[in-house]
Amino acid sequence: MTSPQDVVEQQLTAYNGHDIDAFVATYAEDVLVLRRDGSRLEGRQALRDTYTRQFAAGRCRAEIVGRLTEGDWVVDHEVAHGLSDEPVRVLVAYRVREGLIDRVEFLG
């Protein structure tokens, strides 16, 4: 079985490579994403719809500056590039169950 850290790393590689199919494949069908602005994405299709546009722009990239793991959870301290004029620092908590990310919380 793949560790939660390995699943999150696969997701990061796909994100940085703008590979929407590989990116979405790391998530559960019923994934819940809680975003910093209070909005939510529910389900793999909503995730695909949102990130397809972002990947098409070809500018997004995430740099991990720290990572903590505990059980099913992986928390990354990320610096996101290409989403705004300046890099955005954020904590992102990923819960991995049965080899897929089923919950994401953007913090900070």
N, C-alpha and C. Protein backbone atom coordinates (compact mmCIF):
# COMPACT_ATOMS: atom_id res chain seq x y z
N MET A 1 0.84 -1.19 0.00
CA MET A 1 0.00 0.00 0.00
C MET A 1 0.89 1.25 0.00
N THR A 2 0.47 2.26 -0.72
CA THR A 2 1.21 3.51 -0.83
C THR A 2 0.99 4.35 0.42
N SER A 3 2.05 4.94 0.95
CA SER A 3 1.93 5.76 2.15
C SER A 3 1.24 7.09 1.83
N PRO A 4 0.61 7.71 2.83
CA PRO A 4 -0.01 9.02 2.60
C PRO A 4 0.99 10.03 2.03
N GLN A 5 2.22 10.02 2.52
CA GLN A 5 3.22 10.95 2.03
C GLN A 5 3.52 10.71 0.55
N ASP A 6 3.58 9.45 0.14
CA ASP A 6 3.83 9.14 -1.27
C ASP A 6 2.68 9.62 -2.16
N VAL A 7 1.44 9.47 -1.69
CA VAL A 7 0.27 9.92 -2.47
C VAL A 7 0.32 11.44 -2.64
N VAL A 8 0.61 12.15 -1.56
CA VAL A 8 0.68 13.61 -1.65
C VAL A 8 1.82 14.05 -2.56
N GLU A 9 2.92 13.33 -2.52
CA GLU A 9 4.05 13.65 -3.40
C GLU A 9 3.68 13.42 -4.87
N GLN A 10 2.94 12.34 -5.15
CA GLN A 10 2.47 12.08 -6.53
C GLN A 10 1.57 13.21 -7.00
N GLN A 11 0.70 13.68 -6.11
CA GLN A 11 -0.21 14.79 -6.40
C GLN A 11 0.59 16.04 -6.72
N LEU A 12 1.62 16.32 -5.94
CA LEU A 12 2.47 17.49 -6.15
C LEU A 12 3.19 17.42 -7.49
N THR A 13 3.73 16.27 -7.81
CA THR A 13 4.43 16.09 -9.09
C THR A 13 3.48 16.35 -10.25
N ALA A 14 2.26 15.82 -10.17
CA ALA A 14 1.27 16.04 -11.23
C ALA A 14 0.87 17.51 -11.32
N TYR A 15 0.71 18.15 -10.16
CA TYR A 15 0.36 19.58 -10.13
C TYR A 15 1.45 20.40 -10.82
N ASN A 16 2.68 20.19 -10.43
CA ASN A 16 3.78 20.96 -11.01
C ASN A 16 4.00 20.64 -12.48
N GLY A 17 3.60 19.45 -12.91
CA GLY A 17 3.70 19.08 -14.32
C GLY A 17 2.47 19.44 -15.14
N HIS A 18 1.47 20.03 -14.48
CA HIS A 18 0.21 20.42 -15.12
C HIS A 18 -0.47 19.24 -15.81
N ASP A 19 -0.36 18.06 -15.18
CA ASP A 19 -0.94 16.82 -15.71
C ASP A 19 -2.27 16.58 -14.99
N ILE A 20 -3.35 17.06 -15.58
CA ILE A 20 -4.66 17.01 -14.91
C ILE A 20 -5.11 15.58 -14.63
N ASP A 21 -4.86 14.65 -15.54
CA ASP A 21 -5.31 13.27 -15.32
C ASP A 21 -4.57 12.63 -14.15
N ALA A 22 -3.26 12.78 -14.10
CA ALA A 22 -2.48 12.22 -12.99
C ALA A 22 -2.83 12.92 -11.68
N PHE A 23 -3.08 14.22 -11.74
CA PHE A 23 -3.44 14.99 -10.55
C PHE A 23 -4.76 14.48 -9.97
N VAL A 24 -5.79 14.42 -10.78
CA VAL A 24 -7.12 14.01 -10.32
C VAL A 24 -7.10 12.55 -9.86
N ALA A 25 -6.26 11.72 -10.44
CA ALA A 25 -6.20 10.29 -10.08
C ALA A 25 -5.72 10.07 -8.64
N THR A 26 -5.13 11.08 -8.02
CA THR A 26 -4.67 10.93 -6.63
C THR A 26 -5.77 11.24 -5.62
N TYR A 27 -6.95 11.64 -6.10
CA TYR A 27 -8.05 12.05 -5.24
C TYR A 27 -9.20 11.04 -5.27
N ALA A 28 -9.91 10.93 -4.14
CA ALA A 28 -11.10 10.08 -4.04
C ALA A 28 -12.25 10.72 -4.83
N GLU A 29 -13.18 9.91 -5.28
CA GLU A 29 -14.34 10.41 -6.02
C GLU A 29 -15.09 11.47 -5.23
N ASP A 30 -15.20 11.29 -3.92
CA ASP A 30 -15.98 12.20 -3.09
C ASP A 30 -15.10 13.17 -2.29
N VAL A 31 -13.95 13.54 -2.83
CA VAL A 31 -13.02 14.43 -2.15
C VAL A 31 -13.72 15.74 -1.76
N LEU A 32 -13.32 16.26 -0.60
CA LEU A 32 -13.80 17.56 -0.13
C LEU A 32 -12.59 18.46 0.02
N VAL A 33 -12.62 19.62 -0.65
CA VAL A 33 -11.54 20.60 -0.58
C VAL A 33 -12.10 21.86 0.05
N LEU A 34 -11.53 22.25 1.20
CA LEU A 34 -11.93 23.47 1.88
C LEU A 34 -10.88 24.53 1.59
N ARG A 35 -11.28 25.57 0.89
CA ARG A 35 -10.33 26.57 0.41
C ARG A 35 -10.19 27.73 1.41
N ARG A 36 -9.12 28.49 1.26
CA ARG A 36 -8.83 29.59 2.17
C ARG A 36 -9.92 30.65 2.19
N ASP A 37 -10.60 30.84 1.09
CA ASP A 37 -11.64 31.87 1.02
C ASP A 37 -12.99 31.40 1.56
N GLY A 38 -13.02 30.18 2.11
CA GLY A 38 -14.25 29.64 2.67
C GLY A 38 -15.08 28.83 1.69
N SER A 39 -14.71 28.84 0.41
CA SER A 39 -15.44 28.06 -0.58
C SER A 39 -15.02 26.59 -0.49
N ARG A 40 -15.80 25.75 -1.13
CA ARG A 40 -15.55 24.31 -1.12
C ARG A 40 -15.60 23.76 -2.53
N LEU A 41 -14.80 22.73 -2.73
CA LEU A 41 -14.92 21.91 -3.93
C LEU A 41 -15.35 20.53 -3.44
N GLU A 42 -16.37 19.99 -4.06
CA GLU A 42 -16.85 18.68 -3.64
C GLU A 42 -16.86 17.74 -4.84
N GLY A 43 -16.07 16.69 -4.74
CA GLY A 43 -16.04 15.67 -5.77
C GLY A 43 -14.90 15.86 -6.76
N ARG A 44 -14.52 14.74 -7.33
CA ARG A 44 -13.41 14.71 -8.27
C ARG A 44 -13.67 15.55 -9.52
N GLN A 45 -14.93 15.58 -9.99
CA GLN A 45 -15.23 16.35 -11.20
C GLN A 45 -15.08 17.84 -10.94
N ALA A 46 -15.51 18.33 -9.78
CA ALA A 46 -15.34 19.75 -9.44
C ALA A 46 -13.86 20.09 -9.38
N LEU A 47 -13.07 19.19 -8.85
CA LEU A 47 -11.62 19.38 -8.79
C LEU A 47 -11.05 19.48 -10.20
N ARG A 48 -11.46 18.56 -11.06
CA ARG A 48 -10.99 18.57 -12.45
C ARG A 48 -11.37 19.88 -13.15
N ASP A 49 -12.62 20.29 -13.00
CA ASP A 49 -13.09 21.52 -13.66
C ASP A 49 -12.28 22.73 -13.22
N THR A 50 -12.02 22.84 -11.94
CA THR A 50 -11.29 23.99 -11.39
C THR A 50 -9.83 23.99 -11.83
N TYR A 51 -9.17 22.85 -11.69
CA TYR A 51 -7.73 22.82 -11.97
C TYR A 51 -7.41 22.72 -13.45
N THR A 52 -8.33 22.28 -14.29
CA THR A 52 -8.09 22.26 -15.73
C THR A 52 -7.79 23.67 -16.23
N ARG A 53 -8.59 24.63 -15.78
CA ARG A 53 -8.37 26.04 -16.18
C ARG A 53 -7.02 26.55 -15.67
N GLN A 54 -6.73 26.22 -14.43
CA GLN A 54 -5.47 26.68 -13.83
C GLN A 54 -4.27 26.07 -14.55
N PHE A 55 -4.34 24.77 -14.84
CA PHE A 55 -3.23 24.10 -15.53
C PHE A 55 -3.07 24.62 -16.95
N ALA A 56 -4.18 24.96 -17.60
CA ALA A 56 -4.11 25.46 -18.97
C ALA A 56 -3.30 26.75 -19.06
N ALA A 57 -3.34 27.55 -18.00
CA ALA A 57 -2.56 28.79 -17.97
C ALA A 57 -1.07 28.49 -17.87
N GLY A 58 -0.72 27.31 -17.36
CA GLY A 58 0.67 26.85 -17.36
C GLY A 58 1.62 27.57 -16.42
N ARG A 59 1.09 28.34 -15.48
CA ARG A 59 1.98 29.12 -14.63
C ARG A 59 2.06 28.60 -13.19
N CYS A 60 1.16 27.76 -12.77
CA CYS A 60 1.12 27.36 -11.36
C CYS A 60 2.22 26.33 -11.04
N ARG A 61 2.77 26.51 -9.84
CA ARG A 61 3.81 25.62 -9.35
C ARG A 61 3.83 25.75 -7.84
N ALA A 62 4.00 24.65 -7.15
CA ALA A 62 4.08 24.66 -5.69
C ALA A 62 5.44 24.16 -5.24
N GLU A 63 6.00 24.87 -4.29
CA GLU A 63 7.28 24.51 -3.69
C GLU A 63 7.02 24.14 -2.24
N ILE A 64 7.48 22.97 -1.82
CA ILE A 64 7.30 22.54 -0.44
C ILE A 64 8.50 23.00 0.38
N VAL A 65 8.21 23.76 1.44
CA VAL A 65 9.29 24.23 2.31
C VAL A 65 9.29 23.49 3.64
N GLY A 66 8.26 22.68 3.88
CA GLY A 66 8.21 21.86 5.08
C GLY A 66 7.06 20.87 4.98
N ARG A 67 7.22 19.71 5.64
CA ARG A 67 6.17 18.69 5.60
C ARG A 67 6.14 17.95 6.93
N LEU A 68 4.93 17.75 7.44
CA LEU A 68 4.69 16.95 8.64
C LEU A 68 3.72 15.85 8.29
N THR A 69 3.88 14.70 8.89
CA THR A 69 2.94 13.59 8.67
C THR A 69 2.55 13.00 10.02
N GLU A 70 1.31 12.58 10.10
CA GLU A 70 0.81 11.88 11.28
C GLU A 70 -0.39 11.04 10.86
N GLY A 71 -0.23 9.73 10.92
CA GLY A 71 -1.33 8.84 10.52
C GLY A 71 -1.72 9.07 9.07
N ASP A 72 -3.02 9.37 8.86
CA ASP A 72 -3.57 9.59 7.53
C ASP A 72 -3.30 10.99 6.99
N TRP A 73 -2.73 11.88 7.81
CA TRP A 73 -2.59 13.29 7.46
C TRP A 73 -1.17 13.65 7.04
N VAL A 74 -1.10 14.49 6.01
CA VAL A 74 0.15 15.10 5.56
C VAL A 74 -0.13 16.60 5.51
N VAL A 75 0.72 17.38 6.18
CA VAL A 75 0.56 18.83 6.18
C VAL A 75 1.79 19.43 5.53
N ASP A 76 1.56 20.13 4.42
CA ASP A 76 2.65 20.77 3.68
C ASP A 76 2.63 22.27 3.92
N HIS A 77 3.81 22.83 4.12
CA HIS A 77 3.99 24.28 4.09
C HIS A 77 4.44 24.57 2.67
N GLU A 78 3.57 25.22 1.91
CA GLU A 78 3.81 25.42 0.49
C GLU A 78 4.01 26.90 0.17
N VAL A 79 4.80 27.13 -0.85
CA VAL A 79 4.87 28.44 -1.49
C VAL A 79 4.33 28.22 -2.90
N ALA A 80 3.17 28.82 -3.16
CA ALA A 80 2.52 28.66 -4.46
C ALA A 80 2.94 29.81 -5.38
N HIS A 81 3.37 29.46 -6.56
CA HIS A 81 3.82 30.44 -7.56
C HIS A 81 2.84 30.44 -8.74
N GLY A 82 2.67 31.61 -9.34
CA GLY A 82 1.88 31.71 -10.56
C GLY A 82 0.40 31.92 -10.35
N LEU A 83 -0.05 32.00 -9.11
CA LEU A 83 -1.47 32.21 -8.85
C LEU A 83 -1.81 33.68 -8.68
N SER A 84 -0.79 34.46 -8.33
CA SER A 84 -0.93 35.91 -8.20
C SER A 84 0.43 36.52 -8.51
N ASP A 85 0.51 37.83 -8.41
CA ASP A 85 1.77 38.50 -8.74
C ASP A 85 2.91 38.08 -7.82
N GLU A 86 2.59 37.83 -6.58
CA GLU A 86 3.60 37.43 -5.59
C GLU A 86 3.34 35.99 -5.15
N PRO A 87 4.39 35.27 -4.75
CA PRO A 87 4.18 33.92 -4.22
C PRO A 87 3.25 33.94 -3.00
N VAL A 88 2.49 32.89 -2.84
CA VAL A 88 1.53 32.77 -1.74
C VAL A 88 2.00 31.65 -0.82
N ARG A 89 2.16 31.96 0.46
CA ARG A 89 2.54 30.96 1.46
C ARG A 89 1.27 30.41 2.10
N VAL A 90 1.20 29.10 2.23
CA VAL A 90 0.00 28.47 2.76
C VAL A 90 0.35 27.12 3.39
N LEU A 91 -0.43 26.74 4.38
CA LEU A 91 -0.38 25.38 4.91
C LEU A 91 -1.52 24.61 4.27
N VAL A 92 -1.23 23.40 3.83
CA VAL A 92 -2.25 22.56 3.21
C VAL A 92 -2.24 21.21 3.90
N ALA A 93 -3.39 20.83 4.45
CA ALA A 93 -3.53 19.54 5.13
C ALA A 93 -4.27 18.57 4.20
N TYR A 94 -3.66 17.44 3.96
CA TYR A 94 -4.22 16.39 3.10
C TYR A 94 -4.51 15.16 3.95
N ARG A 95 -5.72 14.62 3.85
CA ARG A 95 -6.01 13.34 4.50
C ARG A 95 -6.07 12.27 3.41
N VAL A 96 -5.33 11.20 3.61
CA VAL A 96 -5.25 10.12 2.64
C VAL A 96 -5.87 8.87 3.26
N ARG A 97 -6.85 8.33 2.57
CA ARG A 97 -7.49 7.09 3.01
C ARG A 97 -7.57 6.14 1.82
N GLU A 98 -7.21 4.89 2.06
CA GLU A 98 -7.25 3.86 1.02
C GLU A 98 -6.49 4.30 -0.23
N GLY A 99 -5.36 4.99 -0.02
CA GLY A 99 -4.48 5.35 -1.12
C GLY A 99 -4.89 6.56 -1.93
N LEU A 100 -5.94 7.28 -1.50
CA LEU A 100 -6.41 8.47 -2.23
C LEU A 100 -6.64 9.62 -1.26
N ILE A 101 -6.44 10.82 -1.72
CA ILE A 101 -6.70 12.01 -0.92
C ILE A 101 -8.21 12.23 -0.88
N ASP A 102 -8.79 12.23 0.33
CA ASP A 102 -10.24 12.41 0.43
C ASP A 102 -10.65 13.72 1.08
N ARG A 103 -9.67 14.45 1.62
CA ARG A 103 -9.96 15.74 2.25
C ARG A 103 -8.72 16.63 2.16
N VAL A 104 -8.96 17.89 1.81
CA VAL A 104 -7.89 18.88 1.73
C VAL A 104 -8.38 20.14 2.44
N GLU A 105 -7.53 20.69 3.30
CA GLU A 105 -7.86 21.95 3.96
C GLU A 105 -6.71 22.92 3.76
N PHE A 106 -7.01 24.05 3.14
CA PHE A 106 -6.04 25.12 2.96
C PHE A 106 -6.13 26.03 4.19
N LEU A 107 -5.00 26.23 4.84
CA LEU A 107 -4.95 27.00 6.09
C LEU A 107 -4.04 28.21 5.90
N GLY A 108 -4.42 29.32 6.51
CA GLY A 108 -3.54 30.49 6.49
C GLY A 108 -3.66 31.33 5.25
